[in-house]
């Protein structure tokens, strides 16, 4: 069941958000709903966006894959 929600947001933020929504083929309501869903998910479970959920499992990583180590290496190479 959907329910109407009234929000007070800075005009410039709304304009940029509407533009983003249009460019990504989504509605502003969909963006807000997706964001709210993400922040209220169980904090003990790592949350991922609905877009990423669609592709989960399409890439097989080694069992010893260390995401933090790989991210650190990536950013180190990119910025140093």
N, C-alpha and C. Protein backbone atom coordinates (compact mmCIF):
# COMPACT_ATOMS: atom_id res chain seq x y z
N UNK A 1 0.85 -1.17 0.00
CA UNK A 1 0.00 0.00 0.00
C UNK A 1 0.90 1.24 0.00
N UNK A 2 0.64 2.16 -0.88
CA UNK A 2 1.41 3.40 -0.90
C UNK A 2 0.65 4.48 -0.14
N UNK A 3 1.41 5.39 0.44
CA UNK A 3 0.85 6.49 1.20
C UNK A 3 1.54 7.77 0.77
N UNK A 4 0.80 8.82 0.67
CA UNK A 4 1.36 10.12 0.30
C UNK A 4 2.16 10.68 1.47
N UNK A 5 3.29 11.31 1.15
CA UNK A 5 4.18 11.88 2.14
C UNK A 5 4.55 13.30 1.71
N UNK A 6 4.45 14.24 2.61
CA UNK A 6 4.83 15.61 2.32
C UNK A 6 6.16 15.90 3.00
N UNK A 7 7.11 16.40 2.23
CA UNK A 7 8.45 16.71 2.74
C UNK A 7 8.78 18.17 2.49
N UNK A 8 9.61 18.71 3.33
CA UNK A 8 10.13 20.06 3.14
C UNK A 8 11.61 19.92 2.82
N UNK A 9 11.98 20.30 1.60
CA UNK A 9 13.35 20.13 1.12
C UNK A 9 13.76 21.39 0.38
N UNK A 10 15.03 21.74 0.46
CA UNK A 10 15.54 22.91 -0.26
C UNK A 10 15.21 22.79 -1.74
N UNK A 11 14.79 23.87 -2.34
CA UNK A 11 14.38 23.89 -3.74
C UNK A 11 15.49 23.40 -4.66
N UNK A 12 16.72 23.83 -4.42
CA UNK A 12 17.83 23.42 -5.28
C UNK A 12 18.07 21.91 -5.21
N UNK A 13 17.87 21.32 -4.04
CA UNK A 13 18.03 19.87 -3.89
C UNK A 13 16.95 19.15 -4.68
N UNK A 14 15.73 19.64 -4.59
CA UNK A 14 14.62 19.03 -5.33
C UNK A 14 14.88 19.10 -6.83
N UNK A 15 15.33 20.24 -7.31
CA UNK A 15 15.59 20.39 -8.74
C UNK A 15 16.66 19.42 -9.21
N UNK A 16 17.75 19.32 -8.44
CA UNK A 16 18.83 18.40 -8.82
C UNK A 16 18.36 16.95 -8.73
N UNK A 17 17.57 16.64 -7.73
CA UNK A 17 17.07 15.27 -7.56
C UNK A 17 16.11 14.90 -8.70
N UNK A 18 15.26 15.83 -9.10
CA UNK A 18 14.35 15.58 -10.22
C UNK A 18 15.15 15.34 -11.51
N UNK A 19 16.18 16.12 -11.71
CA UNK A 19 17.02 15.95 -12.89
C UNK A 19 17.71 14.58 -12.86
N UNK A 20 18.23 14.21 -11.71
CA UNK A 20 18.88 12.91 -11.55
C UNK A 20 17.88 11.79 -11.83
N UNK A 21 16.70 11.90 -11.26
CA UNK A 21 15.67 10.88 -11.45
C UNK A 21 15.32 10.74 -12.93
N UNK A 22 15.15 11.86 -13.60
CA UNK A 22 14.81 11.83 -15.03
C UNK A 22 15.92 11.18 -15.84
N UNK A 23 17.17 11.54 -15.54
CA UNK A 23 18.31 10.99 -16.28
C UNK A 23 18.51 9.50 -16.03
N UNK A 24 18.02 9.00 -14.92
CA UNK A 24 18.17 7.57 -14.61
C UNK A 24 16.90 6.78 -14.87
N UNK A 25 15.88 7.46 -15.42
CA UNK A 25 14.65 6.78 -15.77
C UNK A 25 13.82 6.34 -14.57
N UNK A 26 13.93 7.08 -13.49
CA UNK A 26 13.20 6.74 -12.27
C UNK A 26 12.37 7.94 -11.84
N UNK A 27 11.46 7.71 -10.93
CA UNK A 27 10.68 8.82 -10.39
C UNK A 27 11.35 9.30 -9.10
N UNK A 28 11.05 10.52 -8.73
CA UNK A 28 11.59 11.06 -7.49
C UNK A 28 11.06 10.24 -6.31
N UNK A 29 9.81 9.84 -6.38
CA UNK A 29 9.24 8.99 -5.31
C UNK A 29 10.01 7.69 -5.18
N UNK A 30 10.39 7.09 -6.31
CA UNK A 30 11.15 5.85 -6.29
C UNK A 30 12.51 6.05 -5.63
N UNK A 31 13.17 7.16 -5.95
CA UNK A 31 14.46 7.45 -5.35
C UNK A 31 14.35 7.59 -3.83
N UNK A 32 13.35 8.35 -3.40
CA UNK A 32 13.17 8.56 -1.95
C UNK A 32 12.83 7.24 -1.27
N UNK A 33 11.93 6.47 -1.87
CA UNK A 33 11.56 5.19 -1.28
C UNK A 33 12.75 4.25 -1.18
N UNK A 34 13.55 4.18 -2.23
CA UNK A 34 14.74 3.32 -2.21
C UNK A 34 15.71 3.75 -1.12
N UNK A 35 15.91 5.05 -1.00
CA UNK A 35 16.81 5.56 0.04
C UNK A 35 16.28 5.22 1.43
N UNK A 36 15.00 5.44 1.65
CA UNK A 36 14.43 5.14 2.97
C UNK A 36 14.51 3.65 3.28
N UNK A 37 14.28 2.81 2.29
CA UNK A 37 14.42 1.37 2.50
C UNK A 37 15.83 1.00 2.93
N UNK A 38 16.81 1.62 2.29
CA UNK A 38 18.20 1.31 2.61
C UNK A 38 18.57 1.72 4.03
N UNK A 39 18.10 2.86 4.49
CA UNK A 39 18.53 3.32 5.81
C UNK A 39 17.79 2.64 6.95
N UNK A 40 16.66 2.00 6.66
CA UNK A 40 15.94 1.33 7.74
C UNK A 40 16.17 -0.18 7.77
N UNK A 41 16.98 -0.69 6.83
CA UNK A 41 17.31 -2.11 6.85
C UNK A 41 18.07 -2.44 8.13
N UNK A 42 18.04 -3.69 8.45
CA UNK A 42 18.74 -4.17 9.64
C UNK A 42 20.21 -3.76 9.58
N UNK A 43 20.70 -3.08 10.59
CA UNK A 43 22.07 -2.57 10.59
C UNK A 43 23.10 -3.69 10.74
N UNK A 44 22.68 -4.87 11.14
CA UNK A 44 23.62 -5.99 11.26
C UNK A 44 23.92 -6.64 9.92
N UNK A 45 23.12 -6.34 8.91
CA UNK A 45 23.30 -6.92 7.58
C UNK A 45 23.80 -5.82 6.66
N UNK A 46 24.86 -6.13 5.91
CA UNK A 46 25.37 -5.15 4.96
C UNK A 46 24.32 -4.91 3.89
N UNK A 47 23.92 -3.64 3.73
CA UNK A 47 22.87 -3.34 2.76
C UNK A 47 23.48 -3.01 1.40
N UNK A 48 22.78 -3.45 0.37
CA UNK A 48 23.17 -3.12 -1.00
C UNK A 48 21.95 -2.60 -1.72
N UNK A 49 22.19 -1.80 -2.72
CA UNK A 49 21.09 -1.19 -3.45
C UNK A 49 20.34 -2.24 -4.27
N UNK A 50 19.07 -1.95 -4.60
CA UNK A 50 18.30 -2.88 -5.43
C UNK A 50 18.99 -3.17 -6.77
N UNK A 51 19.67 -2.19 -7.32
CA UNK A 51 20.38 -2.39 -8.59
C UNK A 51 21.48 -3.42 -8.43
N UNK A 52 22.21 -3.36 -7.32
CA UNK A 52 23.28 -4.32 -7.09
C UNK A 52 22.72 -5.71 -6.77
N UNK A 53 21.58 -5.76 -6.09
CA UNK A 53 20.97 -7.05 -5.77
C UNK A 53 20.66 -7.84 -7.04
N UNK A 54 20.34 -7.12 -8.12
CA UNK A 54 20.02 -7.78 -9.38
C UNK A 54 21.22 -8.51 -9.97
N UNK A 55 22.44 -8.03 -9.69
CA UNK A 55 23.62 -8.64 -10.30
C UNK A 55 24.43 -9.49 -9.32
N UNK A 56 23.95 -9.63 -8.09
CA UNK A 56 24.66 -10.45 -7.11
C UNK A 56 24.79 -11.87 -7.66
N UNK A 57 25.99 -12.40 -7.57
CA UNK A 57 26.24 -13.75 -8.04
C UNK A 57 26.78 -13.82 -9.45
N UNK A 58 26.78 -12.72 -10.17
CA UNK A 58 27.27 -12.75 -11.55
C UNK A 58 28.79 -12.72 -11.61
N UNK A 59 29.43 -12.32 -10.51
CA UNK A 59 30.88 -12.31 -10.44
C UNK A 59 31.30 -13.24 -9.31
N UNK A 60 32.21 -14.15 -9.62
CA UNK A 60 32.70 -15.09 -8.61
C UNK A 60 34.06 -14.60 -8.11
N UNK A 61 34.15 -14.32 -6.82
CA UNK A 61 35.39 -13.87 -6.22
C UNK A 61 36.05 -15.02 -5.48
N UNK A 62 37.37 -14.99 -5.35
CA UNK A 62 38.05 -16.03 -4.58
C UNK A 62 37.58 -16.02 -3.12
N UNK A 63 37.64 -17.18 -2.48
CA UNK A 63 37.18 -17.27 -1.10
C UNK A 63 38.00 -16.38 -0.17
N UNK A 64 39.27 -16.14 -0.50
CA UNK A 64 40.13 -15.32 0.35
C UNK A 64 40.13 -13.85 -0.07
N UNK A 65 39.15 -13.43 -0.87
CA UNK A 65 39.06 -12.04 -1.33
C UNK A 65 38.86 -11.11 -0.15
N UNK A 66 39.72 -10.10 -0.04
CA UNK A 66 39.65 -9.12 1.05
C UNK A 66 39.24 -7.77 0.46
N UNK A 67 37.96 -7.44 0.60
CA UNK A 67 37.43 -6.23 -0.01
C UNK A 67 38.15 -4.98 0.51
N UNK A 68 38.36 -4.90 1.81
CA UNK A 68 39.04 -3.72 2.39
C UNK A 68 40.44 -3.56 1.82
N UNK A 69 41.16 -4.66 1.70
CA UNK A 69 42.53 -4.61 1.16
C UNK A 69 42.51 -4.15 -0.30
N UNK A 70 41.58 -4.70 -1.08
CA UNK A 70 41.48 -4.32 -2.49
C UNK A 70 41.09 -2.86 -2.67
N UNK A 71 40.14 -2.39 -1.86
CA UNK A 71 39.75 -0.97 -1.94
C UNK A 71 40.92 -0.07 -1.56
N UNK A 72 41.63 -0.45 -0.52
CA UNK A 72 42.78 0.34 -0.09
C UNK A 72 43.81 0.41 -1.21
N UNK A 73 44.10 -0.72 -1.83
CA UNK A 73 45.06 -0.75 -2.94
C UNK A 73 44.59 0.12 -4.11
N UNK A 74 43.30 0.01 -4.44
CA UNK A 74 42.75 0.79 -5.54
C UNK A 74 42.90 2.29 -5.29
N UNK A 75 42.49 2.74 -4.10
CA UNK A 75 42.56 4.17 -3.80
C UNK A 75 44.02 4.64 -3.65
N UNK A 76 44.87 3.80 -3.16
CA UNK A 76 46.28 4.14 -3.05
C UNK A 76 46.87 4.38 -4.44
N UNK A 77 46.59 3.49 -5.38
CA UNK A 77 47.09 3.67 -6.75
C UNK A 77 46.46 4.88 -7.42
N UNK A 78 45.19 5.09 -7.18
CA UNK A 78 44.48 6.20 -7.83
C UNK A 78 44.96 7.57 -7.36
N UNK A 79 45.24 7.68 -6.06
CA UNK A 79 45.51 9.00 -5.49
C UNK A 79 46.97 9.25 -5.13
N UNK A 80 47.82 8.28 -5.31
CA UNK A 80 49.24 8.52 -4.97
C UNK A 80 50.11 8.50 -6.18
